[in-house]
PDB file of N, CA and C in Angstrom:
ATOM      1  N   MET A   1     103.953 108.552 100.625  1.00  0.00           N
ATOM      2  CA  MET A   1     102.728 109.319 100.776  1.00  0.00           C
ATOM      3  C   MET A   1     102.106 108.960 102.119  1.00  0.00           C
ATOM      4  N   SER A   2     101.800 109.936 102.924  1.00  0.00           N
ATOM      5  CA  SER A   2     101.427 109.709 104.321  1.00  0.00           C
ATOM      6  C   SER A   2     100.077 109.020 104.515  1.00  0.00           C
ATOM      7  N   ASP A   3      99.139 109.176 103.606  1.00  0.00           N
ATOM      8  CA  ASP A   3      97.819 108.583 103.807  1.00  0.00           C
ATOM      9  C   ASP A   3      97.602 107.321 102.974  1.00  0.00           C
ATOM     10  N   CYS A   4      98.646 106.781 102.395  1.00  0.00           N
ATOM     11  CA  CYS A   4      98.547 105.593 101.549  1.00  0.00           C
ATOM     12  C   CYS A   4      98.709 104.333 102.406  1.00  0.00           C
ATOM     13  N   ILE A   5      97.713 103.458 102.372  1.00  0.00           N
ATOM     14  CA  ILE A   5      97.755 102.237 103.178  1.00  0.00           C
ATOM     15  C   ILE A   5      98.904 101.330 102.753  1.00  0.00           C
ATOM     16  N   PHE A   6      99.205 101.270 101.453  1.00  0.00           N
ATOM     17  CA  PHE A   6     100.292 100.401 101.007  1.00  0.00           C
ATOM     18  C   PHE A   6     101.651 100.952 101.419  1.00  0.00           C
ATOM     19  N   CYS A   7     101.793 102.264 101.449  1.00  0.00           N
ATOM     20  CA  CYS A   7     103.034 102.866 101.964  1.00  0.00           C
ATOM     21  C   CYS A   7     103.178 102.557 103.456  1.00  0.00           C
ATOM     22  N   ALA A   8     102.060 102.589 104.175  1.00  0.00           N
ATOM     23  CA  ALA A   8     102.088 102.284 105.610  1.00  0.00           C
ATOM     24  C   ALA A   8     102.472 100.823 105.847  1.00  0.00           C
ATOM     25  N   ILE A   9     101.978  99.919 105.012  1.00  0.00           N
ATOM     26  CA  ILE A   9     102.347  98.509 105.137  1.00  0.00           C
ATOM     27  C   ILE A   9     103.820  98.322 104.799  1.00  0.00           C
ATOM     28  N   ALA A  10     104.276  98.954 103.723  1.00  0.00           N
ATOM     29  CA  ALA A  10     105.673  98.826 103.303  1.00  0.00           C
ATOM     30  C   ALA A  10     106.644  99.343 104.361  1.00  0.00           C
ATOM     31  N   SER A  11     106.234 100.376 105.091  1.00  0.00           N
ATOM     32  CA  SER A  11     107.100 100.943 106.133  1.00  0.00           C
ATOM     33  C   SER A  11     106.837 100.335 107.504  1.00  0.00           C
ATOM     34  N   LYS A  12     105.994  99.300 107.555  1.00  0.00           N
ATOM     35  CA  LYS A  12     105.673  98.553 108.786  1.00  0.00           C
ATOM     36  C   LYS A  12     104.899  99.386 109.807  1.00  0.00           C
ATOM     37  N   LYS A  13     104.213 100.429 109.333  1.00  0.00           N
ATOM     38  CA  LYS A  13     103.358 101.215 110.223  1.00  0.00           C
ATOM     39  C   LYS A  13     101.958 100.620 110.318  1.00  0.00           C
ATOM     40  N   SER A  14     101.618  99.749 109.373  1.00  0.00           N
ATOM     41  CA  SER A  14     100.355  99.001 109.405  1.00  0.00           C
ATOM     42  C   SER A  14     100.680  97.527 109.234  1.00  0.00           C
ATOM     43  N   PRO A  15      99.939  96.657 109.915  1.00  0.00           N
ATOM     44  CA  PRO A  15     100.234  95.231 109.841  1.00  0.00           C
ATOM     45  C   PRO A  15      99.757  94.605 108.534  1.00  0.00           C
ATOM     46  N   ALA A  16     100.406  93.519 108.162  1.00  0.00           N
ATOM     47  CA  ALA A  16      99.997  92.729 107.000  1.00  0.00           C
ATOM     48  C   ALA A  16     100.598  91.336 107.147  1.00  0.00           C
ATOM     49  N   ASN A  17      99.947  90.380 106.514  1.00  0.00           N
ATOM     50  CA  ASN A  17     100.447  89.010 106.477  1.00  0.00           C
ATOM     51  C   ASN A  17     101.385  88.904 105.268  1.00  0.00           C
ATOM     52  N   ILE A  18     102.659  89.108 105.507  1.00  0.00           N
ATOM     53  CA  ILE A  18     103.650  89.221 104.436  1.00  0.00           C
ATOM     54  C   ILE A  18     104.158  87.844 104.021  1.00  0.00           C
ATOM     55  N   GLU A  19     104.218  87.629 102.702  1.00  0.00           N
ATOM     56  CA  GLU A  19     104.781  86.395 102.151  1.00  0.00           C
ATOM     57  C   GLU A  19     106.240  86.573 101.779  1.00  0.00           C
ATOM     58  N   ILE A  20     106.556  87.644 101.063  1.00  0.00           N
ATOM     59  CA  ILE A  20     107.921  87.902 100.616  1.00  0.00           C
ATOM     60  C   ILE A  20     108.157  89.406 100.672  1.00  0.00           C
ATOM     61  N   GLU A  21     109.384  89.768 101.044  1.00  0.00           N
ATOM     62  CA  GLU A  21     109.766  91.176 101.043  1.00  0.00           C
ATOM     63  C   GLU A  21     111.185  91.296 100.507  1.00  0.00           C
ATOM     64  N   THR A  22     111.401  92.265  99.623  1.00  0.00           N
ATOM     65  CA  THR A  22     112.734  92.588  99.124  1.00  0.00           C
ATOM     66  C   THR A  22     113.005  94.048  99.472  1.00  0.00           C
ATOM     67  N   ASP A  23     114.116  94.555  99.025  1.00  0.00           N
ATOM     68  CA  ASP A  23     114.416  95.970  99.268  1.00  0.00           C
ATOM     69  C   ASP A  23     113.408  96.887  98.582  1.00  0.00           C
ATOM     70  N   ASN A  24     112.835  96.435  97.452  1.00  0.00           N
ATOM     71  CA  ASN A  24     111.969  97.298  96.642  1.00  0.00           C
ATOM     72  C   ASN A  24     110.499  96.920  96.624  1.00  0.00           C
ATOM     73  N   VAL A  25     110.183  95.690  97.037  1.00  0.00           N
ATOM     74  CA  VAL A  25     108.827  95.153  96.843  1.00  0.00           C
ATOM     75  C   VAL A  25     108.393  94.404  98.096  1.00  0.00           C
ATOM     76  N   ILE A  26     107.095  94.473  98.371  1.00  0.00           N
ATOM     77  CA  ILE A  26     106.511  93.698  99.469  1.00  0.00           C
ATOM     78  C   ILE A  26     105.278  92.968  98.933  1.00  0.00           C
ATOM     79  N   ALA A  27     105.118  91.711  99.308  1.00  0.00           N
ATOM     80  CA  ALA A  27     103.985  90.895  98.861  1.00  0.00           C
ATOM     81  C   ALA A  27     103.248  90.387 100.097  1.00  0.00           C
ATOM     82  N   PHE A  28     101.951  90.658 100.141  1.00  0.00           N
ATOM     83  CA  PHE A  28     101.162  90.292 101.319  1.00  0.00           C
ATOM     84  C   PHE A  28      99.762  89.858 100.914  1.00  0.00           C
ATOM     85  N   HIS A  29      99.103  89.154 101.827  1.00  0.00           N
ATOM     86  CA  HIS A  29      97.756  88.640 101.572  1.00  0.00           C
ATOM     87  C   HIS A  29      96.742  89.775 101.532  1.00  0.00           C
ATOM     88  N   ASP A  30      95.880  89.737 100.521  1.00  0.00           N
ATOM     89  CA  ASP A  30      94.789  90.704 100.412  1.00  0.00           C
ATOM     90  C   ASP A  30      93.717  90.339 101.432  1.00  0.00           C
ATOM     91  N   LEU A  31      93.189  91.317 102.117  1.00  0.00           N
ATOM     92  CA  LEU A  31      92.123  91.071 103.098  1.00  0.00           C
ATOM     93  C   LEU A  31      90.792  90.748 102.428  1.00  0.00           C
ATOM     94  N   HIS A  32      90.625  91.153 101.174  1.00  0.00           N
ATOM     95  CA  HIS A  32      89.377  90.951 100.433  1.00  0.00           C
ATOM     96  C   HIS A  32      89.650  89.991  99.283  1.00  0.00           C
ATOM     97  N   LYS A  33      89.710  88.702  99.609  1.00  0.00           N
ATOM     98  CA  LYS A  33      90.125  87.680  98.667  1.00  0.00           C
ATOM     99  C   LYS A  33      89.113  87.461  97.553  1.00  0.00           C
ATOM    100  N   ASP A  34      89.643  87.368  96.317  1.00  0.00           N
ATOM    101  CA  ASP A  34      88.839  87.000  95.157  1.00  0.00           C
ATOM    102  C   ASP A  34      89.167  85.585  94.685  1.00  0.00           C
ATOM    103  N   ALA A  35      90.086  84.922  95.357  1.00  0.00           N
ATOM    104  CA  ALA A  35      90.492  83.546  95.040  1.00  0.00           C
ATOM    105  C   ALA A  35      91.130  82.976  96.305  1.00  0.00           C
ATOM    106  N   PRO A  36      91.272  81.647  96.365  1.00  0.00           N
ATOM    107  CA  PRO A  36      91.912  81.068  97.546  1.00  0.00           C
ATOM    108  C   PRO A  36      93.289  81.675  97.827  1.00  0.00           C
ATOM    109  N   VAL A  37      94.043  81.960  96.790  1.00  0.00           N
ATOM    110  CA  VAL A  37      95.299  82.694  96.934  1.00  0.00           C
ATOM    111  C   VAL A  37      95.088  84.060  96.300  1.00  0.00           C
ATOM    112  N   HIS A  38      95.208  85.095  97.100  1.00  0.00           N
ATOM    113  CA  HIS A  38      95.082  86.473  96.601  1.00  0.00           C
ATOM    114  C   HIS A  38      96.132  87.298  97.330  1.00  0.00           C
ATOM    115  N   ILE A  39      97.209  87.554  96.621  1.00  0.00           N
ATOM    116  CA  ILE A  39      98.351  88.280  97.170  1.00  0.00           C
ATOM    117  C   ILE A  39      98.481  89.604  96.440  1.00  0.00           C
ATOM    118  N   LEU A  40      98.807  90.640  97.171  1.00  0.00           N
ATOM    119  CA  LEU A  40      99.112  91.932  96.565  1.00  0.00           C
ATOM    120  C   LEU A  40     100.625  92.099  96.549  1.00  0.00           C
ATOM    121  N   VAL A  41     101.165  92.399  95.392  1.00  0.00           N
ATOM    122  CA  VAL A  41     102.595  92.621  95.228  1.00  0.00           C
ATOM    123  C   VAL A  41     102.759  94.107  94.945  1.00  0.00           C
ATOM    124  N   VAL A  42     103.471  94.789  95.840  1.00  0.00           N
ATOM    125  CA  VAL A  42     103.456  96.255  95.876  1.00  0.00           C
ATOM    126  C   VAL A  42     104.885  96.804  95.897  1.00  0.00           C
ATOM    127  N   PRO A  43     105.174  97.779  95.029  1.00  0.00           N
ATOM    128  CA  PRO A  43     106.480  98.430  95.161  1.00  0.00           C
ATOM    129  C   PRO A  43     106.493  99.290  96.418  1.00  0.00           C
ATOM    130  N   LYS A  44     107.623  99.341  97.094  1.00  0.00           N
ATOM    131  CA  LYS A  44     107.718 100.183  98.288  1.00  0.00           C
ATOM    132  C   LYS A  44     107.741 101.664  97.910  1.00  0.00           C
ATOM    133  N   LYS A  45     108.252 101.970  96.740  1.00  0.00           N
ATOM    134  CA  LYS A  45     108.210 103.344  96.245  1.00  0.00           C
ATOM    135  C   LYS A  45     106.785 103.645  95.794  1.00  0.00           C
ATOM    136  N   HIS A  46     106.280 104.800  96.168  1.00  0.00           N
ATOM    137  CA  HIS A  46     104.903 105.153  95.833  1.00  0.00           C
ATOM    138  C   HIS A  46     104.786 105.623  94.384  1.00  0.00           C
ATOM    139  N   PHE A  47     103.969 104.920  93.639  1.00  0.00           N
ATOM    140  CA  PHE A  47     103.526 105.329  92.308  1.00  0.00           C
ATOM    141  C   PHE A  47     102.008 105.263  92.363  1.00  0.00           C
ATOM    142  N   GLU A  48     101.332 106.327  91.992  1.00  0.00           N
ATOM    143  CA  GLU A  48      99.873 106.296  92.057  1.00  0.00           C
ATOM    144  C   GLU A  48      99.292 105.273  91.086  1.00  0.00           C
ATOM    145  N   SER A  49      99.814 105.218  89.881  1.00  0.00           N
ATOM    146  CA  SER A  49      99.347 104.244  88.893  1.00  0.00           C
ATOM    147  C   SER A  49     100.469 103.965  87.908  1.00  0.00           C
ATOM    148  N   LEU A  50     100.233 103.040  86.991  1.00  0.00           N
ATOM    149  CA  LEU A  50     101.225 102.766  85.953  1.00  0.00           C
ATOM    150  C   LEU A  50     101.533 104.005  85.129  1.00  0.00           C
ATOM    151  N   ASN A  51     100.595 104.913  85.049  1.00  0.00           N
ATOM    152  CA  ASN A  51     100.807 106.143  84.294  1.00  0.00           C
ATOM    153  C   ASN A  51     101.914 107.011  84.895  1.00  0.00           C
ATOM    154  N   ASP A  52     102.294 106.746  86.128  1.00  0.00           N
ATOM    155  CA  ASP A  52     103.278 107.576  86.824  1.00  0.00           C
ATOM    156  C   ASP A  52     104.697 107.014  86.788  1.00  0.00           C
ATOM    157  N   ILE A  53     104.884 105.839  86.181  1.00  0.00           N
ATOM    158  CA  ILE A  53     106.238 105.287  86.151  1.00  0.00           C
ATOM    159  C   ILE A  53     107.045 105.937  85.033  1.00  0.00           C
ATOM    160  N   LYS A  54     108.345 105.925  85.232  1.00  0.00           N
ATOM    161  CA  LYS A  54     109.283 106.465  84.258  1.00  0.00           C
ATOM    162  C   LYS A  54     110.187 105.334  83.773  1.00  0.00           C
ATOM    163  N   ASP A  55     110.920 105.587  82.701  1.00  0.00           N
ATOM    164  CA  ASP A  55     111.845 104.577  82.191  1.00  0.00           C
ATOM    165  C   ASP A  55     112.795 104.096  83.281  1.00  0.00           C
ATOM    166  N   SER A  56     113.209 105.005  84.144  1.00  0.00           N
ATOM    167  CA  SER A  56     114.156 104.660  85.208  1.00  0.00           C
ATOM    168  C   SER A  56     113.545 103.747  86.278  1.00  0.00           C
ATOM    169  N   ASP A  57     112.222 103.559  86.262  1.00  0.00           N
ATOM    170  CA  ASP A  57     111.535 102.701  87.242  1.00  0.00           C
ATOM    171  C   ASP A  57     111.362 101.269  86.747  1.00  0.00           C
ATOM    172  N   GLY A  58     111.909 100.970  85.581  1.00  0.00           N
ATOM    173  CA  GLY A  58     111.699  99.661  84.971  1.00  0.00           C
ATOM    174  C   GLY A  58     112.146  98.493  85.831  1.00  0.00           C
ATOM    175  N   LEU A  59     113.250  98.637  86.542  1.00  0.00           N
ATOM    176  CA  LEU A  59     113.728  97.531  87.378  1.00  0.00           C
ATOM    177  C   LEU A  59     112.767  97.238  88.524  1.00  0.00           C
ATOM    178  N   ILE A  60     112.210  98.282  89.120  1.00  0.00           N
ATOM    179  CA  ILE A  60     111.249  98.077  90.217  1.00  0.00           C
ATOM    180  C   ILE A  60     109.986  97.406  89.687  1.00  0.00           C
ATOM    181  N   ILE A  61     109.479  97.868  88.554  1.00  0.00           N
ATOM    182  CA  ILE A  61     108.255  97.287  87.989  1.00  0.00           C
ATOM    183  C   ILE A  61     108.523  95.841  87.570  1.00  0.00           C
ATOM    184  N   GLY A  62     109.682  95.572  87.003  1.00  0.00           N
ATOM    185  CA  GLY A  62     110.042  94.193  86.663  1.00  0.00           C
ATOM    186  C   GLY A  62     110.119  93.306  87.893  1.00  0.00           C
ATOM    187  N   GLU A  63     110.600  93.877  88.988  1.00  0.00           N
ATOM    188  CA  GLU A  63     110.709  93.111  90.230  1.00  0.00           C
ATOM    189  C   GLU A  63     109.340  92.693  90.762  1.00  0.00           C
ATOM    190  N   LEU A  64     108.295  93.478  90.474  1.00  0.00           N
ATOM    191  CA  LEU A  64     106.937  93.067  90.876  1.00  0.00           C
ATOM    192  C   LEU A  64     106.619  91.681  90.321  1.00  0.00           C
ATOM    193  N   PHE A  65     106.947  91.472  89.041  1.00  0.00           N
ATOM    194  CA  PHE A  65     106.637  90.196  88.403  1.00  0.00           C
ATOM    195  C   PHE A  65     107.553  89.074  88.882  1.00  0.00           C
ATOM    196  N   LEU A  66     108.800  89.384  89.151  1.00  0.00           N
ATOM    197  CA  LEU A  66     109.705  88.369  89.693  1.00  0.00           C
ATOM    198  C   LEU A  66     109.256  87.925  91.080  1.00  0.00           C
ATOM    199  N   VAL A  67     108.825  88.861  91.906  1.00  0.00           N
ATOM    200  CA  VAL A  67     108.319  88.516  93.240  1.00  0.00           C
ATOM    201  C   VAL A  67     107.006  87.743  93.120  1.00  0.00           C
ATOM    202  N   ALA A  68     106.143  88.125  92.180  1.00  0.00           N
ATOM    203  CA  ALA A  68     104.891  87.378  91.972  1.00  0.00           C
ATOM    204  C   ALA A  68     105.194  85.919  91.644  1.00  0.00           C
ATOM    205  N   LYS A  69     106.165  85.686  90.779  1.00  0.00           N
ATOM    206  CA  LYS A  69     106.573  84.317  90.429  1.00  0.00           C
ATOM    207  C   LYS A  69     107.084  83.575  91.659  1.00  0.00           C
ATOM    208  N   GLN A  70     107.893  84.238  92.475  1.00  0.00           N
ATOM    209  CA  GLN A  70     108.419  83.605  93.693  1.00  0.00           C
ATOM    210  C   GLN A  70     107.290  83.246  94.660  1.00  0.00           C
ATOM    211  N   VAL A  71     106.323  84.136  94.806  1.00  0.00           N
ATOM    212  CA  VAL A  71     105.183  83.860  95.694  1.00  0.00           C
ATOM    213  C   VAL A  71     104.376  82.676  95.155  1.00  0.00           C
ATOM    214  N   ALA A  72     104.133  82.653  93.851  1.00  0.00           N
ATOM    215  CA  ALA A  72     103.387  81.541  93.247  1.00  0.00           C
ATOM    216  C   ALA A  72     104.099  80.219  93.504  1.00  0.00           C
ATOM    217  N   GLU A  73     105.414  80.212  93.391  1.00  0.00           N
ATOM    218  CA  GLU A  73     106.179  78.999  93.680  1.00  0.00           C
ATOM    219  C   GLU A  73     106.085  78.639  95.162  1.00  0.00           C
ATOM    220  N   LYS A  74     106.234  79.630  96.027  1.00  0.00           N
ATOM    221  CA  LYS A  74     106.191  79.398  97.473  1.00  0.00           C
ATOM    222  C   LYS A  74     104.834  78.844  97.912  1.00  0.00           C
ATOM    223  N   LEU A  75     103.750  79.328  97.295  1.00  0.00           N
ATOM    224  CA  LEU A  75     102.400  78.908  97.688  1.00  0.00           C
ATOM    225  C   LEU A  75     101.871  77.753  96.834  1.00  0.00           C
ATOM    226  N   ASN A  76     102.764  77.145  96.067  1.00  0.00           N
ATOM    227  CA  ASN A  76     102.445  75.943  95.278  1.00  0.00           C
ATOM    228  C   ASN A  76     101.314  76.135  94.277  1.00  0.00           C
ATOM    229  N   ILE A  77     101.278  77.286  93.616  1.00  0.00           N
ATOM    230  CA  ILE A  77     100.296  77.487  92.542  1.00  0.00           C
ATOM    231  C   ILE A  77     100.979  77.745  91.194  1.00  0.00           C
ATOM    232  N   ALA A  78     102.301  77.719  91.169  1.00  0.00           N
ATOM    233  CA  ALA A  78     103.013  78.023  89.924  1.00  0.00           C
ATOM    234  C   ALA A  78     102.682  77.007  88.830  1.00  0.00           C
ATOM    235  N   LYS A  79     102.644  75.744  89.155  1.00  0.00           N
ATOM    236  CA  LYS A  79     102.384  74.719  88.137  1.00  0.00           C
ATOM    237  C   LYS A  79     100.918  74.666  87.728  1.00  0.00           C
ATOM    238  N   SER A  80     100.007  74.842  88.667  1.00  0.00           N
ATOM    239  CA  SER A  80      98.580  74.773  88.326  1.00  0.00           C
ATOM    240  C   SER A  80      98.114  76.038  87.617  1.00  0.00           C
ATOM    241  N   GLY A  81      98.738  77.158  87.915  1.00  0.00           N
ATOM    242  CA  GLY A  81      98.434  78.400  87.208  1.00  0.00           C
ATOM    243  C   GLY A  81      97.957  79.508  88.123  1.00  0.00           C
ATOM    244  N   TYR A  82      98.217  80.719  87.676  1.00  0.00           N
ATOM    245  CA  TYR A  82      97.830  81.906  88.433  1.00  0.00           C
ATOM    246  C   TYR A  82      97.660  83.073  87.470  1.00  0.00           C
ATOM    247  N   ARG A  83      97.042  84.110  87.961  1.00  0.00           N
ATOM    248  CA  ARG A  83      96.780  85.312  87.161  1.00  0.00           C
ATOM    249  C   ARG A  83      97.393  86.508  87.872  1.00  0.00           C
ATOM    250  N   CYS A  84      97.999  87.402  87.078  1.00  0.00           N
ATOM    251  CA  CYS A  84      98.539  88.666  87.586  1.00  0.00           C
ATOM    252  C   CYS A  84      97.772  89.804  86.941  1.00  0.00           C
ATOM    253  N   ILE A  85      97.263  90.701  87.761  1.00  0.00           N
ATOM    254  CA  ILE A  85      96.451  91.812  87.266  1.00  0.00           C
ATOM    255  C   ILE A  85      96.937  93.112  87.888  1.00  0.00           C
ATOM    256  N   ILE A  86      97.076  94.139  87.074  1.00  0.00           N
ATOM    257  CA  ILE A  86      97.324  95.489  87.565  1.00  0.00           C
ATOM    258  C   ILE A  86      96.219  96.378  87.008  1.00  0.00           C
ATOM    259  N   ASN A  87      95.414  96.918  87.888  1.00  0.00           N
ATOM    260  CA  ASN A  87      94.355  97.849  87.485  1.00  0.00           C
ATOM    261  C   ASN A  87      94.924  99.264  87.495  1.00  0.00           C
ATOM    262  N   THR A  88      94.569 100.040  86.489  1.00  0.00           N
ATOM    263  CA  THR A  88      95.063 101.410  86.401  1.00  0.00           C
ATOM    264  C   THR A  88      93.893 102.381  86.278  1.00  0.00           C
ATOM    265  N   ASN A  89      93.701 103.140  87.312  1.00  0.00           N
ATOM    266  CA  ASN A  89      92.684 104.200  87.401  1.00  0.00           C
ATOM    267  C   ASN A  89      91.264 103.656  87.523  1.00  0.00           C
ATOM    268  N   GLN A  90      90.318 104.551  87.624  1.00  0.00           N
ATOM    269  CA  GLN A  90      88.944 104.253  88.021  1.00  0.00           C
ATOM    270  C   GLN A  90      88.231 103.263  87.096  1.00  0.00           C
ATOM    271  N   ASP A  91      88.290 103.466  85.790  1.00  0.00           N
ATOM    272  CA  ASP A  91      87.555 102.583  84.887  1.00  0.00           C
ATOM    273  C   ASP A  91      88.057 101.150  84.933  1.00  0.00           C
ATOM    274  N   ALA A  92      89.290 100.956  85.344  1.00  0.00           N
ATOM    275  CA  ALA A  92      89.850  99.607  85.455  1.00  0.00           C
ATOM    276  C   ALA A  92      89.599  98.998  86.832  1.00  0.00           C
ATOM    277  N   GLY A  93      89.069  99.793  87.755  1.00  0.00           N
ATOM    278  CA  GLY A  93      88.765  99.283  89.089  1.00  0.00           C
ATOM    279  C   GLY A  93      89.859  99.483  90.110  1.00  0.00           C
ATOM    280  N   GLN A  94      90.820 100.372  89.851  1.00  0.00           N
ATOM    281  CA  GLN A  94      91.865 100.630  90.843  1.00  0.00           C
ATOM    282  C   GLN A  94      91.241 101.341  92.036  1.00  0.00           C
ATOM    283  N   VAL A  95      91.360 100.752  93.208  1.00  0.00           N
ATOM    284  CA  VAL A  95      90.774 101.311  94.428  1.00  0.00           C
ATOM    285  C   VAL A  95      91.834 102.061  95.231  1.00  0.00           C
ATOM    286  N   VAL A  96      92.977 101.420  95.479  1.00  0.00           N
ATOM    287  CA  VAL A  96      94.062 102.064  96.220  1.00  0.00           C
ATOM    288  C   VAL A  96      94.989 102.722  95.200  1.00  0.00           C
ATOM    289  N   LYS A  97      95.239 103.988  95.382  1.00  0.00           N
ATOM    290  CA  LYS A  97      96.060 104.758  94.447  1.00  0.00           C
ATOM    291  C   LYS A  97      97.547 104.549  94.730  1.00  0.00           C
ATOM    292  N   HIS A  98      97.993 103.320  94.553  1.00  0.00           N
ATOM    293  CA  HIS A  98      99.400 102.917  94.672  1.00  0.00           C
ATOM    294  C   HIS A  98      99.491 101.665  93.807  1.00  0.00           C
ATOM    295  N   ILE A  99     100.386 101.660  92.827  1.00  0.00           N
ATOM    296  CA  ILE A  99     100.501 100.485  91.951  1.00  0.00           C
ATOM    297  C   ILE A  99     100.561  99.219  92.793  1.00  0.00           C
ATOM    298  N   HIS A 100      99.793  98.227  92.380  1.00  0.00           N
ATOM    299  CA  HIS A 100      99.866  96.919  93.020  1.00  0.00           C
ATOM    300  C   HIS A 100      99.414  95.852  92.035  1.00  0.00           C
ATOM    301  N   LEU A 101     100.074  94.728  92.124  1.00  0.00           N
ATOM    302  CA  LEU A 101      99.774  93.591  91.276  1.00  0.00           C
ATOM    303  C   LEU A 101      98.968  92.599  92.107  1.00  0.00           C
ATOM    304  N   HIS A 102      97.832  92.177  91.581  1.00  0.00           N
ATOM    305  CA  HIS A 102      97.030  91.130  92.225  1.00  0.00           C
ATOM    306  C   HIS A 102      97.502  89.792  91.679  1.00  0.00           C
ATOM    307  N   LEU A 103      97.935  88.910  92.558  1.00  0.00           N
ATOM    308  CA  LEU A 103      98.303  87.549  92.198  1.00  0.00           C
ATOM    309  C   LEU A 103      97.167  86.653  92.675  1.00  0.00           C
ATOM    310  N   LEU A 104      96.471  86.024  91.733  1.00  0.00           N
ATOM    311  CA  LEU A 104      95.299  85.207  92.033  1.00  0.00           C
ATOM    312  C   LEU A 104      95.542  83.769  91.606  1.00  0.00           C
ATOM    313  N   GLY A 105      95.139  82.830  92.429  1.00  0.00           N
ATOM    314  CA  GLY A 105      95.266  81.427  92.076  1.00  0.00           C
ATOM    315  C   GLY A 105      94.666  80.541  93.139  1.00  0.00           C
ATOM    316  N   GLY A 106      94.975  79.253  93.031  1.00  0.00           N
ATOM    317  CA  GLY A 106      94.466  78.291  94.003  1.00  0.00           C
ATOM    318  C   GLY A 106      93.158  77.658  93.599  1.00  0.00           C
ATOM    319  N   LYS A 107      92.647  78.010  92.420  1.00  0.00           N
ATOM    320  CA  LYS A 107      91.444  77.395  91.862  1.00  0.00           C
ATOM    321  C   LYS A 107      91.450  77.699  90.362  1.00  0.00           C
ATOM    322  N   PRO A 108      90.670  76.937  89.580  1.00  0.00           N
ATOM    323  CA  PRO A 108      90.576  77.278  88.165  1.00  0.00           C
ATOM    324  C   PRO A 108      89.916  78.660  88.000  1.00  0.00           C
ATOM    325  N   LEU A 109      90.603  79.541  87.345  1.00  0.00           N
ATOM    326  CA  LEU A 109      90.084  80.897  87.138  1.00  0.00           C
ATOM    327  C   LEU A 109      89.385  81.041  85.796  1.00  0.00           C
ATOM    328  N   GLY A 110      89.651  80.113  84.898  1.00  0.00           N
ATOM    329  CA  GLY A 110      89.055  80.181  83.572  1.00  0.00           C
ATOM    330  C   GLY A 110      89.676  81.297  82.749  1.00  0.00           C
ATOM    331  N   PRO A 111      89.413  81.282  81.469  1.00  0.00           N
ATOM    332  CA  PRO A 111      89.981  82.319  80.607  1.00  0.00           C
ATOM    333  C   PRO A 111      89.298  83.664  80.858  1.00  0.00           C
ATOM    334  N   LEU A 112      90.067  84.699  80.703  1.00  0.00           N
ATOM    335  CA  LEU A 112      89.514  86.044  80.748  1.00  0.00           C
ATOM    336  C   LEU A 112      89.111  86.383  79.324  1.00  0.00           C
ATOM    337  N   VAL A 113      87.814  86.458  79.086  1.00  0.00           N
ATOM    338  CA  VAL A 113      87.321  86.671  77.716  1.00  0.00           C
ATOM    339  C   VAL A 113      86.562  87.987  77.642  1.00  0.00           C
ATOM    340  N   GLN A 114      86.258  88.396  76.443  1.00  0.00           N
ATOM    341  CA  GLN A 114      85.641  89.699  76.205  1.00  0.00           C
ATOM    342  C   GLN A 114      84.372  89.893  77.026  1.00  0.00           C
ATOM    343  N   LYS A 115      83.546  88.865  77.206  1.00  0.00           N
ATOM    344  CA  LYS A 115      82.303  89.022  77.964  1.00  0.00           C
ATOM    345  C   LYS A 115      82.566  89.446  79.406  1.00  0.00           C
ATOM    346  N   ASP A 116      83.733  89.075  79.944  1.00  0.00           N
ATOM    347  CA  ASP A 116      84.091  89.446  81.312  1.00  0.00           C
ATOM    348  C   ASP A 116      84.381  90.937  81.429  1.00  0.00           C
ATOM    349  N   LEU A 117      84.663  91.575  80.328  1.00  0.00           N
ATOM    350  CA  LEU A 117      85.041  92.985  80.333  1.00  0.00           C
ATOM    351  C   LEU A 117      83.863  93.912  80.075  1.00  0.00           C
ATOM    352  N   LYS A 118      82.689  93.369  79.856  1.00  0.00           N
ATOM    353  CA  LYS A 118      81.500  94.194  79.576  1.00  0.00           C
ATOM    354  C   LYS A 118      80.789  94.591  80.837  1.00  0.00           C
TER     355      LYS A 118
END
């Protein structure tokens, strides 16, 4: 998609601080950090949201989580803990209309409890 910032990053038309890249996925530092470690793990194939994936896309979506694990290990937060979040559509807070996994860590994040969702 020509106006998608994540597609531009994946195709190297826009700069990013990349941690890991595979044939299908790119992981880079978020410019608007919510934790000391805040990485976006993004499929190179454009999907607007999780609602747009098909059964045949399962390997790419699975690779998002495998890359997230690799990044957590690389940045030394795997043992202390990290959170993976995928927001889907407006009510969930999805801002960029391209599936992306937020990998957060580097500090105690605490449990995500019902009060946080109100």
